[in-house]
Amino acid sequence: MPALRSPEDLLATELKEIHSAERQLSRALPRLSKKVQTDRLREMLEERREQGAFLIERIEDALEDMQVSKGRQKNVAAEALIEDMAQHMEEAEEEVLVEPVLLASIQKIEHYCIAAWGTAAAMGRLLGQENVVQTMEQVLEQGKRFDQEMTKLAEEEVNPRMLEEEDEDEDETIEESPPRKSNRRKAR
């Protein structure tokens, strides 16, 4: 990472990290969507990918306006969150756990993005970078709405289905178990 010598350098670094995070997420989302059975969740992941593509373009424009190259800076925080999500999804032994794990992981990433967008908006305001401020405020609004919709989907559909299927599996296990023999002796 290049040395930070000015507030503009700091804003440029924030924008480059957001750019990297969005690129990483945009590459991961199509793979993740293939593992999803809930139509609404699949639609939301596609909407988020489209939002990311829009944001990538807008950040490139802002960096160009600031006369800063977009560079190839890698956002290690986003990389770790995406890696963590992939690992948890691999660890899910039951299919019914995949969507709750994915949903929770996407929300963690979205919370990180919301914090980054808010930081960039505040810095942009301080430095008079109206293009940055407009873009970040727009994605902040979209990101907060997306997070609320994800929470609603988790609470109303995905997580209850996970519990219902777990209860059904337990019922099937009980029905399939052979009857237990009593250890008590019969009274004579």
Protein backbone atom coordinates (compact mmCIF):
# COMPACT_ATOMS: atom_id res chain seq x y z
CA MET A 1 0.00 0.00 0.00
CA PRO A 2 1.39 3.41 -0.90
CA ALA A 3 2.18 5.87 1.86
CA LEU A 4 -0.65 8.07 3.08
CA ARG A 5 0.50 11.67 2.85
CA SER A 6 -2.77 13.59 2.76
CA PRO A 7 -6.50 13.35 3.50
CA GLU A 8 -6.99 12.82 -0.25
CA ASP A 9 -4.68 9.80 -0.09
CA LEU A 10 -6.77 8.42 2.74
CA LEU A 11 -10.01 8.88 0.78
CA ALA A 12 -8.43 7.31 -2.31
CA THR A 13 -7.34 4.32 -0.22
CA GLU A 14 -10.88 3.92 1.18
CA LEU A 15 -12.32 4.04 -2.34
CA LYS A 16 -9.80 1.51 -3.63
CA GLU A 17 -10.65 -0.85 -0.77
CA ILE A 18 -14.37 -0.52 -1.49
CA HIS A 19 -13.62 -1.12 -5.18
CA SER A 20 -11.70 -4.28 -4.32
CA ALA A 21 -14.39 -5.52 -1.93
CA GLU A 22 -17.09 -5.03 -4.55
CA ARG A 23 -15.03 -6.83 -7.21
CA GLN A 24 -14.41 -9.77 -4.88
CA LEU A 25 -18.06 -9.98 -3.90
CA SER A 26 -19.22 -9.70 -7.52
CA ARG A 27 -17.07 -12.73 -8.39
CA ALA A 28 -18.35 -14.75 -5.41
CA LEU A 29 -22.09 -14.03 -5.73
CA PRO A 30 -22.79 -16.05 -8.92
CA ARG A 31 -21.15 -19.14 -7.36
CA LEU A 32 -23.15 -18.66 -4.18
CA SER A 33 -26.42 -18.18 -6.03
CA LYS A 34 -26.09 -21.69 -7.46
CA LYS A 35 -26.38 -23.10 -3.93
CA VAL A 36 -29.60 -21.21 -3.18
CA GLN A 37 -33.07 -22.73 -3.45
CA THR A 38 -35.11 -19.77 -2.22
CA ASP A 39 -36.09 -17.63 -5.20
CA ARG A 40 -36.21 -14.39 -3.20
CA LEU A 41 -32.70 -14.94 -1.82
CA ARG A 42 -31.38 -15.66 -5.32
CA GLU A 43 -33.04 -12.46 -6.59
CA MET A 44 -31.55 -10.45 -3.73
CA LEU A 45 -28.06 -11.78 -4.44
CA GLU A 46 -28.45 -10.80 -8.10
CA GLU A 47 -29.66 -7.31 -7.08
CA ARG A 48 -26.62 -6.98 -4.82
CA ARG A 49 -24.30 -8.04 -7.63
CA GLU A 50 -25.86 -5.39 -9.90
CA GLN A 51 -25.49 -2.76 -7.18
CA GLY A 52 -21.83 -3.74 -6.85
CA ALA A 53 -21.27 -3.37 -10.61
CA PHE A 54 -22.82 0.12 -10.47
CA LEU A 55 -20.66 1.04 -7.49
CA ILE A 56 -17.47 -0.21 -9.15
CA GLU A 57 -18.13 2.08 -12.13
CA ARG A 58 -18.91 5.06 -9.91
CA ILE A 59 -15.76 4.54 -7.83
CA GLU A 60 -13.66 4.34 -10.98
CA ASP A 61 -15.21 7.65 -12.08
CA ALA A 62 -14.51 9.23 -8.68
CA LEU A 63 -10.89 8.05 -8.69
CA GLU A 64 -10.49 9.42 -12.19
CA ASP A 65 -11.95 12.77 -11.06
CA MET A 66 -9.45 12.76 -8.20
CA GLN A 67 -6.70 11.91 -10.71
CA VAL A 68 -5.85 8.70 -8.86
CA SER A 69 -5.31 5.34 -10.54
CA LYS A 70 -7.59 2.58 -9.30
CA GLY A 71 -4.58 0.31 -8.81
CA ARG A 72 -4.79 -3.28 -7.75
CA GLN A 73 -5.10 -2.87 -4.01
CA LYS A 74 -6.68 -5.94 -2.44
CA ASN A 75 -9.16 -5.58 0.39
CA VAL A 76 -8.02 -8.23 2.85
CA ALA A 77 -10.99 -7.70 5.18
CA ALA A 78 -13.49 -8.47 2.41
CA GLU A 79 -11.35 -11.38 1.27
CA ALA A 80 -11.40 -12.83 4.80
CA LEU A 81 -15.18 -12.40 5.14
CA ILE A 82 -15.78 -14.11 1.79
CA GLU A 83 -13.35 -16.90 2.69
CA ASP A 84 -15.09 -17.33 6.06
CA MET A 85 -18.44 -17.63 4.28
CA ALA A 86 -17.11 -20.27 1.89
CA GLN A 87 -15.64 -22.25 4.77
CA HIS A 88 -18.87 -22.20 6.78
CA MET A 89 -20.87 -23.25 3.74
CA GLU A 90 -18.54 -26.21 3.20
CA GLU A 91 -18.94 -27.17 6.85
CA ALA A 92 -22.74 -27.23 6.60
CA GLU A 93 -23.47 -30.95 6.54
CA GLU A 94 -27.20 -30.53 6.11
CA GLU A 95 -28.60 -28.81 3.00
CA VAL A 96 -31.09 -26.92 5.16
CA LEU A 97 -28.19 -25.06 6.84
CA VAL A 98 -26.67 -23.67 3.64
CA GLU A 99 -29.06 -20.76 3.13
CA PRO A 100 -29.02 -19.55 6.77
CA VAL A 101 -25.20 -19.67 6.72
CA LEU A 102 -25.07 -17.84 3.40
CA LEU A 103 -27.58 -15.22 4.48
CA ALA A 104 -25.76 -14.52 7.76
CA SER A 105 -22.42 -14.30 5.95
CA ILE A 106 -23.75 -11.93 3.30
CA GLN A 107 -25.11 -9.70 6.05
CA LYS A 108 -21.69 -9.63 7.75
CA ILE A 109 -20.15 -8.50 4.48
CA GLU A 110 -22.92 -5.95 3.97
CA HIS A 111 -22.33 -4.50 7.44
CA TYR A 112 -18.65 -4.14 6.61
CA CYS A 113 -19.58 -2.39 3.36
CA ILE A 114 -22.02 -0.07 5.11
CA ALA A 115 -19.23 1.01 7.48
CA ALA A 116 -16.81 1.56 4.57
CA TRP A 117 -19.37 3.53 2.55
CA GLY A 118 -20.17 5.71 5.55
CA THR A 119 -16.49 6.41 6.13
CA ALA A 120 -15.94 7.32 2.48
CA ALA A 121 -19.03 9.57 2.47
CA ALA A 122 -17.84 11.43 5.57
CA MET A 123 -14.36 11.87 4.13
CA GLY A 124 -15.79 12.97 0.79
CA ARG A 125 -17.93 15.59 2.55
CA LEU A 126 -14.88 16.87 4.43
CA LEU A 127 -12.86 17.14 1.22
CA GLY A 128 -15.64 18.57 -0.95
CA GLN A 129 -15.82 15.49 -3.18
CA GLU A 130 -19.52 15.71 -4.03
CA ASN A 131 -19.36 12.85 -6.55
CA VAL A 132 -18.03 10.54 -3.83
CA VAL A 133 -20.57 11.80 -1.29
CA GLN A 134 -23.50 11.27 -3.68
CA THR A 135 -22.37 7.78 -4.62
CA MET A 136 -21.67 6.67 -1.07
CA GLU A 137 -24.92 8.06 0.30
CA GLN A 138 -26.85 6.30 -2.47
CA VAL A 139 -25.22 2.93 -1.79
CA LEU A 140 -25.55 3.46 1.96
CA GLU A 141 -29.31 3.84 1.55
CA GLN A 142 -29.47 0.79 -0.73
CA GLY A 143 -27.21 -1.22 1.58
CA LYS A 144 -29.28 -0.48 4.67
CA ARG A 145 -32.47 -1.41 2.82
CA PHE A 146 -30.82 -4.61 1.50
CA ASP A 147 -29.75 -5.51 5.05
CA GLN A 148 -33.28 -4.99 6.37
CA GLU A 149 -34.71 -7.15 3.57
CA MET A 150 -32.16 -9.87 4.32
CA THR A 151 -33.10 -9.79 8.00
CA LYS A 152 -36.78 -10.05 7.12
CA LEU A 153 -36.12 -12.95 4.74
CA ALA A 154 -34.08 -14.74 7.41
CA GLU A 155 -36.66 -14.23 10.15
CA GLU A 156 -39.77 -14.95 8.11
CA GLU A 157 -38.69 -17.66 5.68
CA VAL A 158 -35.17 -19.08 5.70
CA ASN A 159 -34.56 -19.65 9.42
CA PRO A 160 -38.08 -20.97 10.21
CA ARG A 161 -37.74 -23.43 7.31
CA MET A 162 -34.43 -24.59 8.76
CA LEU A 163 -36.13 -25.35 12.10
CA GLU A 164 -39.14 -27.01 10.44
CA GLU A 165 -36.91 -29.34 8.45
CA GLU A 166 -34.83 -30.10 11.54
CA ASP A 167 -38.03 -31.02 13.43
CA GLU A 168 -39.15 -33.22 10.51
CA ASP A 169 -35.77 -34.98 10.51
CA GLU A 170 -36.04 -35.63 14.24
CA ASP A 171 -39.58 -37.01 13.80
CA GLU A 172 -38.36 -39.36 11.03
CA THR A 173 -35.48 -40.54 13.22
CA ILE A 174 -37.87 -41.33 16.06
CA GLU A 175 -40.23 -43.22 13.72
CA GLU A 176 -37.38 -45.21 12.19
CA SER A 177 -35.86 -46.22 15.55
CA PRO A 178 -36.68 -49.74 16.71
CA PRO A 179 -38.81 -49.90 19.85
CA ARG A 180 -36.81 -49.89 23.03
CA LYS A 181 -36.83 -52.95 25.22
CA SER A 182 -37.70 -52.39 28.78
CA ASN A 183 -35.12 -53.35 31.35
CA ARG A 184 -37.78 -53.85 33.97
CA ARG A 185 -38.79 -57.36 34.80
CA LYS A 186 -42.41 -58.21 34.60
CA ALA A 187 -44.07 -58.73 37.92
CA ARG A 188 -45.18 -62.31 38.49
